[in-house]
Every structure is written in C-alpha cells, then in structure tokens.
Amino acid sequence: MMSGEQTSSDLMSKKLNAIIPDETWEALEQIANEEMRTKSQMAAILLGEAIAARRTKKSKSQKPEKAEG
C-alpha cells in the first residue's frame, strides 16, 4: 500500500448512544422527515454542524485584539 492511501478502517464511522430530551427527539424527527433522512443520519449531520460552529466561535474568541494606536 502506498503512503497517503486510505484504508476501509480509516473511513469507518463510530457509533454513539445518547439519551436526549423528548423535545430534542421530536425536533430531530421533524427535521429528518423534512430532509427525507433517517434520524441517525440527521443527528450525525447536525452534530457535525454544531461542532464546526463551536470551533469557529472558539477560534474567533481566541484571536488577539488589535491594539488601537
């Protein structure tokens, strides 16, 4: 195998079991139905979006302020 190639084990997804409030479950179900996805697929998409948004927010808050002068 050449360096830089991905193997099937590199592409494997991880499983997660989570307990979520009924209100969150119902919202997930509604969004998944609107996008014609399974709840599992939609949860993975939303979780990825939330992580990306948090990272963006965190990186913006860690940038040093420019000195006025």
Protein backbone atom coordinates (compact mmCIF):
# COMPACT_ATOMS: atom_id res chain seq x y z
CA MET A 1 0.00 0.00 0.00
CA MET A 2 1.28 3.46 -0.89
CA SER A 3 1.68 6.18 1.71
CA GLY A 4 -1.32 8.51 1.85
CA GLU A 5 -3.87 5.91 0.75
CA GLN A 6 -6.92 5.47 2.92
CA THR A 7 -7.97 2.04 4.07
CA SER A 8 -11.52 0.98 4.84
CA SER A 9 -10.69 1.16 8.56
CA ASP A 10 -9.74 4.85 8.11
CA LEU A 11 -13.21 5.55 6.73
CA MET A 12 -15.20 3.74 9.39
CA SER A 13 -17.79 5.68 11.29
CA LYS A 14 -18.17 5.48 15.04
CA LYS A 15 -21.41 4.68 16.83
CA LEU A 16 -22.80 6.79 19.64
CA ASN A 17 -25.68 6.11 22.00
CA ALA A 18 -27.14 9.18 23.63
CA ILE A 19 -30.07 10.00 25.87
CA ILE A 20 -31.76 13.17 24.68
CA PRO A 21 -34.83 15.08 25.89
CA ASP A 22 -38.18 14.28 24.26
CA GLU A 23 -38.34 17.79 22.79
CA THR A 24 -34.96 17.32 21.09
CA TRP A 25 -36.01 13.88 19.77
CA GLU A 26 -39.19 15.35 18.29
CA ALA A 27 -37.27 18.21 16.65
CA LEU A 28 -34.75 15.72 15.24
CA GLU A 29 -37.57 13.57 13.89
CA GLN A 30 -39.25 16.57 12.23
CA ILE A 31 -36.05 17.83 10.61
CA ALA A 32 -35.13 14.33 9.42
CA ASN A 33 -38.57 13.86 7.87
CA GLU A 34 -38.36 17.23 6.11
CA GLU A 35 -34.98 16.27 4.60
CA MET A 36 -36.03 12.67 3.93
CA ARG A 37 -33.22 11.28 6.07
CA THR A 38 -33.11 8.83 8.94
CA LYS A 39 -32.88 10.26 12.44
CA SER A 40 -29.41 8.74 12.70
CA GLN A 41 -28.23 10.45 9.52
CA MET A 42 -29.75 13.76 10.57
CA ALA A 43 -28.25 13.56 14.06
CA ALA A 44 -24.80 12.97 12.56
CA ILE A 45 -25.20 15.96 10.22
CA LEU A 46 -26.45 18.26 13.00
CA LEU A 47 -23.72 17.15 15.37
CA GLY A 48 -21.08 17.85 12.72
CA GLU A 49 -22.56 21.30 12.08
CA ALA A 50 -22.65 22.10 15.80
CA ILE A 51 -19.01 21.06 16.25
CA ALA A 52 -17.93 23.17 13.26
CA ALA A 53 -19.85 26.19 14.59
CA ARG A 54 -18.33 25.78 18.06
CA ARG A 55 -14.81 25.53 16.62
CA THR A 56 -15.38 28.65 14.53
CA LYS A 57 -16.75 30.55 17.51
CA LYS A 58 -13.89 29.39 19.72
CA SER A 59 -11.19 30.31 17.20
CA LYS A 60 -12.68 33.79 16.75
CA SER A 61 -12.76 34.38 20.51
CA GLN A 62 -9.11 33.31 20.89
CA LYS A 63 -7.70 35.75 18.33
CA PRO A 64 -5.82 38.60 20.00
CA GLU A 65 -7.38 42.03 19.79
CA LYS A 66 -5.54 44.59 17.67
CA ALA A 67 -4.09 47.43 19.69
CA GLU A 68 -5.54 50.83 18.91
CA GLY A 69 -2.97 53.43 18.25
